[in-house]
Amino acid sequence: MKRIKKLVSLMLAMVMALAMTMTTFASAGEGTPESTTYKITINNSATGHTYEAYQIFKGTLSKKEVEQEVDGQTEKVTIKTLSDIQWGDDISEAGKVALGIAKEKAEALQAGTDGLTAAGFAQTVSQYLTTPSGTTSTFITDKKVYEITGLAPGYYLVKDRDDSLTSNDNYTTFILEVVGDAEATPKNTGTPVPDKEVKGKTDWQDSADYDIGDEIEYKLTAELPETVNAYDKYQLIFEDTFSAGLTYTRNSTVVKIQKKGEDTTTEIPSTGYTITEPSETNKVLTVTFTDVKAAPVNAGNGDIITVEYKATLNENAVAGNPGNPNTLVLKYSNNPNTTGNGEGEPTGTTPPVTAVVFTFKTVVNKVQPGDTEGTTKPLVGAEFSLEKLIKGENDTADRWDVVNRLTISDDETTFTFNGLGEGRYRLKETKTPVGFNSIETIYFTITAVYGIPDGSDKAVVTSLTVTATDKDGNALDDKDTSEFVAKFTPISDANHTNSGVSTDILNQSGSVLPSTGGIGTTIFYVVGGILVVAAGILLVTKRRMRAQ
């Protein structure tokens, strides 16, 4: 019985079909009887379907011409009616007995009396189907349609043959009146709509950038189809696969439901689903609903289920493209023609939806003037500290947090800061090589732009910009940035990898005058005083000589 109840995923089509045929159940004798066979054309460009047509009502088809007003003009039109209604040829004898008198059932169905609905009737009659009518459906390649031919007049239940689909497409069921060649376009409303977003600086989006060590918020959603209520149980599974650069935050998952037409969400107790958290060997977060219709979920047609969790960008994060993605697919009940028990029944899988977290690198080359004018060469023996400006929240002051501190060994002159998101930075030289002048603190800003290329389903870095600034974040002119030459590692290479900024840090050799104390200062003060006194004496002597 349960299996039969599931034969209808799109029974709204039946309501439309029956509502538009009020003259179908006319009394015998009206018009001219017509006897022939017809075909059903099913508009569906997806290959792999095997449709079947079962005649559930039959009768005498008659036609007559009547005058009707069409676009302001009176025209003669042919009206076809189905009279002397009987059970169809594809209903079992047991079904005819159990269902009662065909004409009364059809009239009650059409009038909506006796509590009879299209969906309820289809669920009931489906358990008494025998052998399908007409030919096996044929896919017409050039027209991208299916055809079932050799059908006598009547009403037909059209559905995918059980266990026939091998793709992730949905099984289809609808009822159609055939009083001539008929056409139908199944509405594929049996697929949940997936979405996946990452929390950016201001809102939810399909990509964002973070520093290594940052905790990131993610949101997965599944908008349920309009066929959930046709199932006794409806299975739904979220599968979110992590890349190596992301580490799931344990026990961070929260699941919510938003009822159709409402703006607010309600948290679902953990008894309504099961969670399998990612591990080192299986980096997949799985949230499984054996039945979204059951308490405490109680989801139905068009409701939205949301899964929110957190993850940390770790030391394995990839700089630049392709970024650090994680990808969501939904698995779901896709055949209302089965028992509808949820767990273990046939499921479809949605196309993947991906959110990407980007991070970048800064490569610093420590150099000194070269042997010829305008050239440089490596310089060893320095230490640096890189800091990022963190905006204060809730009336707290902004602060500079150390991103990394790296000591260059005696034989190294280049170092890389991995895992930097957009923002304002400052680079300090905390140890200067002996015999060289220290540099001033360098301030700069990193800005990235992302986009989804045509034919792709995930974002990539399309441009990366570094701007030298003053300590307040104001951009400096080129003439003010001679000691900070920012060059980008190409993001347009074959794999769009290793996005970052590169700069040379130049130290000039020479002595720096001590600012306070020391014999050097005293000597300059004494020499300066002597020069001042000598100049005064010389001036007085010249004036006296002129006066003589």
Protein backbone atom coordinates (compact mmCIF):
# COMPACT_ATOMS: atom_id res chain seq x y z
CA MET A 1 0.00 0.00 0.00
CA LYS A 2 2.83 2.36 0.89
CA ARG A 3 4.51 1.71 -2.44
CA ILE A 4 1.36 2.58 -4.27
CA LYS A 5 0.89 5.82 -2.39
CA LYS A 6 4.17 7.10 -3.72
CA LEU A 7 3.31 6.89 -7.40
CA VAL A 8 2.54 10.58 -7.42
CA SER A 9 5.29 13.17 -7.08
CA LEU A 10 3.63 15.77 -9.30
CA MET A 11 -0.09 15.16 -8.83
CA LEU A 12 -0.83 18.83 -9.24
CA ALA A 13 -0.70 18.06 -12.94
CA MET A 14 -3.70 15.81 -12.50
CA VAL A 15 -5.71 18.57 -10.89
CA MET A 16 -5.05 20.76 -13.90
CA ALA A 17 -5.81 17.96 -16.34
CA LEU A 18 -9.14 17.10 -14.76
CA ALA A 19 -10.14 20.69 -14.08
CA MET A 20 -9.79 21.57 -17.76
CA THR A 21 -12.00 18.72 -18.94
CA MET A 22 -15.39 19.43 -17.39
CA THR A 23 -17.08 18.21 -20.57
CA THR A 24 -15.21 14.95 -20.63
CA PHE A 25 -17.81 12.92 -18.78
CA ALA A 26 -20.68 13.82 -21.11
CA SER A 27 -23.63 11.52 -21.69
CA ALA A 28 -23.53 9.10 -24.61
CA GLY A 29 -24.92 10.17 -27.94
CA GLU A 30 -23.52 13.71 -28.07
CA GLY A 31 -21.54 14.37 -31.26
CA THR A 32 -20.05 11.94 -33.70
CA PRO A 33 -18.24 8.88 -32.29
CA GLU A 34 -14.57 8.72 -33.17
CA SER A 35 -12.32 5.69 -32.93
CA THR A 36 -8.55 5.92 -33.50
CA THR A 37 -5.26 5.86 -31.64
CA TYR A 38 -3.07 8.74 -30.57
CA LYS A 39 0.36 9.51 -29.19
CA ILE A 40 1.77 11.31 -26.16
CA THR A 41 4.79 13.56 -26.72
CA ILE A 42 6.82 14.21 -23.60
CA ASN A 43 9.04 17.28 -23.78
CA ASN A 44 12.19 16.30 -21.91
CA SER A 45 15.66 16.72 -23.43
CA ALA A 46 17.30 14.54 -20.76
CA THR A 47 18.13 11.09 -22.05
CA GLY A 48 17.78 7.88 -20.06
CA HIS A 49 14.05 7.91 -19.25
CA THR A 50 11.70 5.02 -19.94
CA TYR A 51 8.15 6.36 -19.68
CA GLU A 52 5.08 4.15 -19.37
CA ALA A 53 1.40 5.07 -19.92
CA TYR A 54 -1.38 3.26 -18.03
CA GLN A 55 -5.00 3.78 -19.11
CA ILE A 56 -7.02 4.40 -15.94
CA PHE A 57 -10.28 5.62 -17.60
CA LYS A 58 -11.69 4.94 -21.04
CA GLY A 59 -14.92 5.80 -22.85
CA THR A 60 -16.51 6.69 -26.15
CA LEU A 61 -14.82 9.61 -27.82
CA SER A 62 -17.14 11.95 -29.73
CA LYS A 63 -16.61 15.27 -31.48
CA LYS A 64 -18.87 18.10 -32.55
CA GLU A 65 -18.41 21.57 -33.96
CA VAL A 66 -19.58 24.59 -32.01
CA GLU A 67 -19.25 28.31 -32.50
CA GLN A 68 -17.01 30.17 -30.09
CA GLU A 69 -15.68 33.70 -29.92
CA VAL A 70 -11.91 33.73 -30.42
CA ASP A 71 -10.05 37.06 -30.31
CA GLY A 72 -13.27 38.93 -31.02
CA GLN A 73 -14.17 36.68 -33.97
CA THR A 74 -16.78 33.94 -34.08
CA GLU A 75 -15.22 30.71 -35.23
CA LYS A 76 -16.22 27.08 -35.44
CA VAL A 77 -14.17 24.83 -33.20
CA THR A 78 -14.20 21.07 -32.66
CA ILE A 79 -15.03 19.90 -29.16
CA LYS A 80 -14.03 16.36 -28.24
CA THR A 81 -15.77 14.63 -25.35
CA LEU A 82 -15.30 11.31 -23.60
CA SER A 83 -18.59 9.68 -22.63
CA ASP A 84 -19.73 6.32 -21.26
CA ILE A 85 -16.85 6.36 -18.76
CA GLN A 86 -15.47 2.98 -17.72
CA TRP A 87 -12.37 1.72 -16.00
CA GLY A 88 -9.36 1.64 -18.29
CA ASP A 89 -7.75 -1.45 -19.75
CA ASP A 90 -4.74 -1.18 -17.43
CA ILE A 91 -6.69 -1.53 -14.16
CA SER A 92 -6.87 -5.01 -12.63
CA GLU A 93 -10.21 -6.76 -12.05
CA ALA A 94 -9.56 -6.60 -8.34
CA GLY A 95 -9.04 -2.88 -8.68
CA LYS A 96 -12.30 -2.38 -10.53
CA VAL A 97 -14.15 -4.13 -7.72
CA ALA A 98 -12.30 -2.26 -4.98
CA LEU A 99 -12.63 1.15 -6.61
CA GLY A 100 -16.32 0.91 -7.47
CA ILE A 101 -18.14 2.35 -10.47
CA ALA A 102 -15.77 4.17 -12.82
CA LYS A 103 -18.20 6.93 -13.90
CA GLU A 104 -19.17 7.73 -10.32
CA LYS A 105 -15.53 7.76 -9.26
CA ALA A 106 -14.59 10.04 -12.15
CA GLU A 107 -17.46 12.44 -11.50
CA ALA A 108 -16.69 12.54 -7.77
CA LEU A 109 -13.06 13.17 -8.56
CA GLN A 110 -13.90 15.94 -10.98
CA ALA A 111 -16.34 17.58 -8.58
CA GLY A 112 -14.06 17.10 -5.58
CA THR A 113 -16.86 15.41 -3.63
CA ASP A 114 -16.61 12.56 -1.14
CA GLY A 115 -13.23 13.93 -0.03
CA LEU A 116 -11.68 12.59 -3.21
CA THR A 117 -8.56 14.48 -4.38
CA ALA A 118 -6.40 14.00 -7.42
CA ALA A 119 -3.37 13.02 -5.35
CA GLY A 120 -5.39 10.68 -3.16
CA PHE A 121 -7.05 9.04 -6.15
CA ALA A 122 -3.74 8.52 -7.94
CA GLN A 123 -2.22 6.96 -4.83
CA THR A 124 -5.18 4.59 -4.58
CA VAL A 125 -5.48 3.60 -8.23
CA SER A 126 -1.75 3.06 -8.64
CA GLN A 127 -1.77 -0.17 -6.66
CA TYR A 128 -4.08 -1.74 -9.26
CA LEU A 129 -2.05 -1.04 -12.43
CA THR A 130 -1.35 -3.96 -14.72
CA THR A 131 0.41 -3.68 -18.10
CA PRO A 132 1.16 -0.32 -19.73
CA SER A 133 -0.58 0.69 -22.97
CA GLY A 134 0.97 1.76 -26.26
CA THR A 135 4.54 1.43 -27.35
CA THR A 136 7.63 1.69 -25.20
CA SER A 137 8.66 5.35 -25.06
CA THR A 138 11.13 6.32 -27.76
CA PHE A 139 13.56 9.23 -27.50
CA ILE A 140 13.49 11.35 -30.67
CA THR A 141 17.06 12.63 -30.78
CA ASP A 142 16.65 15.54 -33.18
CA LYS A 143 13.53 16.84 -31.37
CA LYS A 144 14.75 16.06 -27.85
CA VAL A 145 11.39 14.54 -26.91
CA TYR A 146 9.92 11.15 -26.01
CA GLU A 147 6.92 9.57 -27.75
CA ILE A 148 4.46 6.87 -26.70
CA THR A 149 2.20 5.82 -29.59
CA GLY A 150 -0.81 3.54 -30.14
CA LEU A 151 -2.95 4.94 -27.32
CA ALA A 152 -6.75 4.66 -27.35
CA PRO A 153 -8.78 7.61 -26.01
CA GLY A 154 -8.87 7.90 -22.23
CA TYR A 155 -7.02 9.13 -19.17
CA TYR A 156 -3.47 7.90 -18.63
CA LEU A 157 -1.13 7.73 -15.71
CA VAL A 158 2.35 8.40 -17.17
CA LYS A 159 5.40 7.58 -15.10
CA ASP A 160 9.02 6.46 -15.26
CA ARG A 161 9.36 2.70 -15.25
CA ASP A 162 10.41 1.46 -11.81
CA ASP A 163 14.19 1.23 -11.29
CA SER A 164 14.84 2.54 -14.81
CA LEU A 165 16.84 5.69 -14.13
CA THR A 166 20.60 5.37 -13.82
CA SER A 167 21.30 9.11 -13.65
CA ASN A 168 20.53 11.61 -10.90
CA ASP A 169 17.40 12.75 -12.69
CA ASN A 170 14.08 12.42 -10.89
CA TYR A 171 11.32 9.92 -11.48
CA THR A 172 8.22 11.54 -12.93
CA THR A 173 4.50 10.82 -12.54
CA PHE A 174 1.59 12.74 -14.05
CA ILE A 175 -1.94 12.15 -15.39
CA LEU A 176 -2.93 13.25 -18.87
CA GLU A 177 -6.17 13.26 -20.91
CA VAL A 178 -5.79 11.73 -24.39
CA VAL A 179 -8.59 12.67 -26.82
CA GLY A 180 -6.13 13.39 -29.62
CA ASP A 181 -2.36 13.65 -29.88
CA ALA A 182 -1.31 15.01 -26.49
CA GLU A 183 1.78 16.83 -25.25
CA ALA A 184 3.23 17.13 -21.75
CA THR A 185 6.21 18.87 -20.18
CA PRO A 186 7.05 17.26 -16.85
CA LYS A 187 8.08 19.75 -14.23
CA ASN A 188 11.17 18.51 -12.46
CA THR A 189 10.22 19.79 -9.01
CA GLY A 190 11.58 16.79 -7.16
CA THR A 191 15.13 18.08 -6.64
CA PRO A 192 16.25 20.02 -3.56
CA VAL A 193 18.23 23.16 -4.34
CA PRO A 194 21.66 23.24 -2.67
CA ASP A 195 23.68 26.30 -1.74
CA LYS A 196 26.91 26.87 0.13
CA GLU A 197 28.38 30.13 1.42
CA VAL A 198 31.29 31.35 3.50
CA LYS A 199 31.12 34.35 5.82
CA GLY A 200 33.04 37.27 4.35
CA LYS A 201 33.91 40.54 5.99
CA THR A 202 30.35 41.84 5.79
CA ASP A 203 28.04 39.11 4.49
CA TRP A 204 27.67 35.55 3.21
CA GLN A 205 29.25 34.91 -0.19
CA ASP A 206 30.73 32.17 -2.41
CA SER A 207 34.36 33.12 -1.65
CA ALA A 208 36.37 35.04 0.93
CA ASP A 209 39.95 35.43 2.12
CA TYR A 210 41.45 34.70 5.51
CA ASP A 211 44.77 34.40 7.35
CA ILE A 212 46.14 31.04 8.38
CA GLY A 213 44.85 30.36 11.87
CA ASP A 214 41.58 32.21 11.36
CA GLU A 215 38.30 30.46 12.17
CA ILE A 216 35.80 30.61 9.31
CA GLU A 217 32.00 30.34 9.34
CA TYR A 218 30.20 28.26 6.69
CA LYS A 219 26.53 27.85 5.81
CA LEU A 220 24.97 25.00 3.80
CA THR A 221 21.34 25.14 2.67
CA ALA A 222 18.87 22.78 1.05
CA GLU A 223 15.60 24.19 -0.28
CA LEU A 224 13.25 21.23 -0.31
CA PRO A 225 11.23 20.45 -3.47
CA GLU A 226 7.46 20.68 -3.82
CA THR A 227 7.14 16.88 -3.76
CA VAL A 228 8.24 16.11 -0.20
CA ASN A 229 4.66 15.65 0.97
CA ALA A 230 4.16 12.86 -1.60
CA TYR A 231 6.53 10.65 0.42
CA ASP A 232 5.82 8.83 3.66
CA LYS A 233 9.47 9.52 4.50
CA TYR A 234 11.92 11.80 2.71
CA GLN A 235 15.64 11.22 3.08
CA LEU A 236 18.12 14.12 2.86
CA ILE A 237 21.89 13.97 3.28
CA PHE A 238 24.40 16.85 3.30
CA GLU A 239 27.92 15.81 2.24
CA ASP A 240 30.51 18.58 2.50
CA THR A 241 34.06 17.66 1.46
CA PHE A 242 37.01 19.63 2.90
CA SER A 243 40.31 20.46 1.22
CA ALA A 244 43.58 19.86 3.08
CA GLY A 245 43.85 23.52 4.11
CA LEU A 246 40.70 23.42 6.26
CA THR A 247 40.25 21.90 9.71
CA TYR A 248 36.73 21.34 11.03
CA THR A 249 35.95 22.84 14.44
CA ARG A 250 34.60 20.01 16.56
CA ASN A 251 31.02 20.24 17.80
CA SER A 252 30.42 23.50 15.93
CA THR A 253 27.52 22.33 13.71
CA VAL A 254 24.09 23.91 14.20
CA VAL A 255 21.09 22.83 12.11
CA LYS A 256 18.04 25.04 11.50
CA ILE A 257 14.78 25.05 9.55
CA GLN A 258 12.98 27.91 7.83
CA LYS A 259 9.37 27.14 6.97
CA LYS A 260 8.16 28.12 3.52
CA GLY A 261 6.97 31.74 3.42
CA GLU A 262 8.55 32.64 6.77
CA ASP A 263 11.58 34.84 7.45
CA THR A 264 12.77 33.33 10.72
CA THR A 265 14.67 30.10 11.38
CA THR A 266 14.33 27.61 14.21
CA GLU A 267 17.10 25.38 15.50
CA ILE A 268 16.47 21.65 15.06
CA PRO A 269 17.31 19.45 18.06
CA SER A 270 20.15 17.02 17.45
CA THR A 271 17.73 14.09 17.76
CA GLY A 272 16.37 15.00 14.31
CA TYR A 273 19.56 14.10 12.40
CA THR A 274 22.96 12.42 12.71
CA ILE A 275 26.40 13.99 12.15
CA THR A 276 29.61 12.36 10.99
CA GLU A 277 32.47 14.80 11.54
CA PRO A 278 35.51 14.98 9.23
CA SER A 279 38.62 13.02 10.16
CA GLU A 280 42.21 12.83 8.92
CA THR A 281 41.31 9.93 6.64
CA ASN A 282 37.83 11.07 5.60
CA LYS A 283 37.56 14.85 5.29
CA VAL A 284 33.78 14.88 4.80
CA LEU A 285 31.15 16.43 7.06
CA THR A 286 27.92 14.42 6.75
CA VAL A 287 24.55 15.48 8.15
CA THR A 288 21.87 12.84 7.59
CA PHE A 289 18.11 13.15 7.87
CA THR A 290 16.50 9.74 7.59
CA ASP A 291 13.18 11.57 7.33
CA VAL A 292 12.87 15.36 7.17
CA LYS A 293 9.10 15.02 7.66
CA ALA A 294 9.42 13.44 11.10
CA ALA A 295 9.52 15.22 14.43
CA PRO A 296 11.40 17.23 15.56
CA VAL A 297 12.13 18.44 12.00
CA ASN A 298 8.62 18.40 10.49
CA ALA A 299 9.78 19.75 7.14
CA GLY A 300 7.55 19.85 4.07
CA ASN A 301 7.26 21.24 0.57
CA GLY A 302 9.47 24.28 -0.01
CA ASP A 303 11.00 24.45 3.47
CA ILE A 304 14.70 25.31 3.84
CA ILE A 305 17.12 23.36 6.03
CA THR A 306 20.38 25.06 7.00
CA VAL A 307 23.62 23.59 8.35
CA GLU A 308 26.10 26.03 9.91
CA TYR A 309 29.57 25.15 11.19
CA LYS A 310 33.10 26.51 11.65
CA ALA A 311 36.50 25.51 10.31
CA THR A 312 40.06 26.85 10.65
CA LEU A 313 42.44 27.69 7.82
CA ASN A 314 45.50 25.59 8.63
CA GLU A 315 49.17 25.47 7.64
CA ASN A 316 48.39 23.32 4.59
CA ALA A 317 46.43 26.15 3.00
CA VAL A 318 47.16 26.90 -0.65
CA ALA A 319 48.20 30.47 -1.50
CA GLY A 320 46.23 31.99 -4.37
CA ASN A 321 44.43 29.81 -6.89
CA PRO A 322 42.83 27.35 -6.75
CA GLY A 323 42.29 28.37 -3.18
CA ASN A 324 40.98 26.19 -0.37
CA PRO A 325 37.58 24.86 -1.41
CA ASN A 326 35.04 22.67 0.23
CA THR A 327 32.25 21.22 -1.86
CA LEU A 328 28.65 20.34 -1.00
CA VAL A 329 26.36 17.77 -2.60
CA LEU A 330 22.89 16.77 -1.46
CA LYS A 331 21.59 13.22 -1.65
CA TYR A 332 17.84 12.90 -1.55
CA SER A 333 14.83 10.67 -2.16
CA ASN A 334 14.05 10.92 -5.86
CA ASN A 335 11.44 8.26 -6.57
CA PRO A 336 7.94 8.64 -5.13
CA ASN A 337 7.02 5.41 -6.93
CA THR A 338 8.88 3.36 -4.31
CA THR A 339 7.89 2.62 -0.74
CA GLY A 340 8.92 6.10 0.38
CA ASN A 341 10.52 4.82 3.55
CA GLY A 342 13.49 7.17 3.36
CA GLU A 343 16.54 5.18 4.43
CA GLY A 344 17.77 2.74 1.83
CA GLU A 345 15.52 3.90 -0.99
CA PRO A 346 16.80 5.21 -4.35
CA THR A 347 18.45 8.62 -4.10
CA GLY A 348 19.58 11.30 -6.49
CA THR A 349 22.60 13.54 -6.08
CA THR A 350 22.66 17.25 -6.82
CA PRO A 351 25.45 18.92 -8.80
CA PRO A 352 28.25 20.10 -6.49
CA VAL A 353 28.28 23.59 -4.99
CA THR A 354 31.66 24.99 -3.89
CA ALA A 355 32.78 27.80 -1.61
CA VAL A 356 36.44 28.86 -1.71
CA VAL A 357 38.63 30.49 0.93
CA PHE A 358 41.67 32.28 -0.43
CA THR A 359 44.88 33.26 1.27
CA PHE A 360 48.04 34.85 -0.09
CA LYS A 361 51.76 35.10 0.59
CA THR A 362 54.26 37.91 0.94
CA VAL A 363 57.80 37.21 -0.25
CA VAL A 364 60.50 39.52 1.11
CA ASN A 365 63.95 39.65 -0.45
CA LYS A 366 66.62 41.27 1.74
CA VAL A 367 69.06 43.17 -0.51
CA GLN A 368 71.86 45.75 -0.50
CA PRO A 369 73.26 47.95 -3.26
CA GLY A 370 75.05 45.97 -5.94
CA ASP A 371 78.56 46.37 -7.28
CA THR A 372 77.32 48.52 -10.16
CA GLU A 373 74.94 51.47 -10.02
CA GLY A 374 71.25 50.53 -10.09
CA THR A 375 71.76 46.91 -9.10
CA THR A 376 71.24 45.00 -5.85
CA LYS A 377 72.57 41.83 -4.32
CA PRO A 378 71.43 39.64 -1.39
CA LEU A 379 72.06 40.69 2.20
CA VAL A 380 72.13 38.30 5.17
CA GLY A 381 71.70 38.78 8.90
CA ALA A 382 68.30 40.48 9.35
CA GLU A 383 65.15 39.84 11.40
CA PHE A 384 61.63 41.05 10.61
CA SER A 385 58.20 41.19 12.18
CA LEU A 386 55.02 41.33 10.07
CA GLU A 387 51.85 42.65 11.72
CA LYS A 388 48.23 43.01 10.57
CA LEU A 389 45.79 45.70 11.64
CA ILE A 390 42.80 44.19 13.43
CA LYS A 391 39.76 46.44 13.61
CA GLY A 392 38.33 46.84 17.06
CA GLU A 393 34.80 45.73 17.82
CA ASN A 394 32.28 46.92 20.39
CA ASP A 395 34.12 50.20 21.01
CA THR A 396 37.52 48.54 21.45
CA ALA A 397 40.59 50.13 19.86
CA ASP A 398 42.24 48.85 16.70
CA ARG A 399 45.35 46.76 17.30
CA TRP A 400 48.34 45.40 15.42
CA ASP A 401 48.69 41.61 15.72
CA VAL A 402 51.92 39.82 14.85
CA VAL A 403 51.33 37.59 11.83
CA ASN A 404 54.75 36.00 11.81
CA ARG A 405 58.31 36.66 12.89
CA LEU A 406 61.10 35.09 10.96
CA THR A 407 64.83 35.11 11.58
CA ILE A 408 66.95 34.83 8.46
CA SER A 409 69.84 32.45 8.91
CA ASP A 410 73.36 33.37 7.80
CA ASP A 411 72.87 31.83 4.36
CA GLU A 412 69.27 32.98 3.68
CA THR A 413 68.14 36.28 2.25
CA THR A 414 64.55 35.52 1.21
CA PHE A 415 61.63 34.62 3.44
CA THR A 416 57.92 34.06 2.84
CA PHE A 417 54.94 34.92 5.01
CA ASN A 418 52.24 32.41 4.05
CA GLY A 419 48.53 32.70 4.70
CA LEU A 420 47.63 36.38 4.50
CA GLY A 421 44.16 37.68 3.72
CA GLU A 422 43.20 41.12 2.55
CA GLY A 423 43.96 43.99 4.91
CA ARG A 424 46.50 46.50 6.19
CA TYR A 425 49.98 45.34 7.18
CA ARG A 426 53.21 46.74 8.53
CA LEU A 427 56.69 45.23 8.21
CA LYS A 428 59.31 46.04 10.80
CA GLU A 429 63.01 45.29 10.66
CA THR A 430 63.73 44.12 14.20
CA LYS A 431 67.40 43.34 13.58
CA THR A 432 69.61 45.18 11.10
CA PRO A 433 72.72 43.60 9.57
CA VAL A 434 75.93 45.02 11.02
CA GLY A 435 77.26 47.97 9.05
CA PHE A 436 73.88 48.89 7.49
CA ASN A 437 71.21 51.46 8.24
CA SER A 438 67.83 50.27 9.56
CA ILE A 439 64.79 50.85 7.36
CA GLU A 440 61.70 52.72 8.40
CA THR A 441 58.58 50.66 9.13
CA ILE A 442 56.84 49.75 5.87
CA TYR A 443 53.03 49.98 5.66
CA PHE A 444 51.01 48.36 2.86
CA THR A 445 47.54 47.09 1.96
CA ILE A 446 46.60 43.86 0.12
CA THR A 447 43.39 43.84 -1.93
CA ALA A 448 42.01 40.89 -3.93
CA VAL A 449 39.21 40.49 -6.47
CA TYR A 450 37.44 37.17 -7.15
CA GLY A 451 35.16 35.94 -9.92
CA ILE A 452 33.60 32.75 -11.31
CA PRO A 453 34.86 32.06 -14.84
CA ASP A 454 32.43 30.99 -17.54
CA GLY A 455 31.84 27.26 -17.45
CA SER A 456 33.07 26.94 -13.87
CA ASP A 457 31.21 26.44 -10.61
CA LYS A 458 33.71 28.06 -8.25
CA ALA A 459 35.50 31.36 -7.78
CA VAL A 460 39.13 32.16 -8.59
CA VAL A 461 41.39 35.13 -7.91
CA THR A 462 41.18 37.51 -10.85
CA SER A 463 43.46 40.26 -9.54
CA LEU A 464 45.67 41.01 -6.56
CA THR A 465 46.84 44.51 -5.63
CA VAL A 466 49.33 45.78 -3.05
CA THR A 467 49.47 49.46 -2.19
CA ALA A 468 52.19 51.18 -0.17
CA THR A 469 50.63 53.47 2.47
CA ASP A 470 51.51 55.74 5.34
CA LYS A 471 50.84 54.65 8.92
CA ASP A 472 47.23 55.83 8.61
CA GLY A 473 46.53 53.73 5.55
CA ASN A 474 46.71 56.52 2.99
CA ALA A 475 48.23 55.48 -0.33
CA LEU A 476 51.69 56.87 -1.08
CA ASP A 477 52.84 58.28 -4.40
CA ASP A 478 55.37 56.32 -6.42
CA LYS A 479 58.09 58.75 -5.42
CA ASP A 480 57.54 57.83 -1.79
CA THR A 481 57.90 54.07 -2.31
CA SER A 482 61.44 53.69 -3.60
CA GLU A 483 62.30 51.32 -0.77
CA PHE A 484 59.17 49.19 -1.23
CA VAL A 485 58.91 47.78 -4.73
CA ALA A 486 55.81 45.53 -4.79
CA LYS A 487 55.65 42.93 -7.53
CA PHE A 488 53.13 40.11 -7.81
CA THR A 489 53.81 36.46 -8.30
CA PRO A 490 51.80 35.85 -11.52
CA ILE A 491 48.22 34.64 -11.00
CA SER A 492 47.79 33.96 -14.72
CA ASP A 493 50.16 31.03 -15.00
CA ALA A 494 48.95 27.67 -16.27
CA ASN A 495 47.37 26.70 -12.95
CA HIS A 496 46.67 30.16 -11.51
CA THR A 497 48.73 29.32 -8.45
CA ASN A 498 50.98 30.99 -5.88
CA SER A 499 49.25 34.35 -5.73
CA GLY A 500 51.08 36.80 -3.53
CA VAL A 501 53.15 39.95 -3.34
CA SER A 502 56.90 40.20 -3.56
CA THR A 503 59.12 43.06 -2.44
CA ASP A 504 62.81 43.92 -2.07
CA ILE A 505 63.86 45.40 1.28
CA LEU A 506 66.94 47.55 0.62
CA ASN A 507 69.47 48.42 3.32
CA GLN A 508 72.03 51.15 2.66
CA SER A 509 75.52 50.83 4.15
CA GLY A 510 77.12 53.71 6.13
CA SER A 511 77.15 55.29 9.55
CA VAL A 512 74.23 56.87 11.31
CA LEU A 513 74.90 59.81 13.58
CA PRO A 514 73.95 58.97 17.18
CA SER A 515 70.94 60.94 18.25
CA THR A 516 71.82 61.31 21.95
CA GLY A 517 74.99 61.17 24.06
CA GLY A 518 78.39 59.91 22.93
CA ILE A 519 81.64 61.62 22.04
CA GLY A 520 80.55 62.00 18.42
CA THR A 521 77.86 64.48 19.37
CA THR A 522 80.17 66.42 21.68
CA ILE A 523 82.81 66.82 18.98
CA PHE A 524 80.27 68.24 16.56
CA TYR A 525 78.98 70.64 19.16
CA VAL A 526 82.56 71.89 20.01
CA VAL A 527 83.57 72.28 16.37
CA GLY A 528 80.35 74.11 15.63
CA GLY A 529 80.90 76.50 18.55
CA ILE A 530 84.45 77.28 17.42
CA LEU A 531 83.24 78.05 13.90
CA VAL A 532 80.58 80.41 15.25
CA VAL A 533 83.12 82.29 17.42
CA ALA A 534 85.64 82.50 14.54
CA ALA A 535 82.98 83.93 12.23
CA GLY A 536 82.15 86.59 14.82
CA ILE A 537 85.77 87.65 15.26
CA LEU A 538 86.26 87.87 11.51
CA LEU A 539 83.18 90.09 11.14
CA VAL A 540 84.33 92.53 13.89
CA THR A 541 87.86 92.75 12.42
CA LYS A 542 86.51 93.62 8.93
CA ARG A 543 84.34 96.44 10.32
CA ARG A 544 87.30 97.99 12.21
CA MET A 545 89.47 97.89 9.11
CA ARG A 546 86.80 99.77 7.13
CA ALA A 547 86.56 102.42 9.89
CA GLN A 548 90.30 103.28 9.78
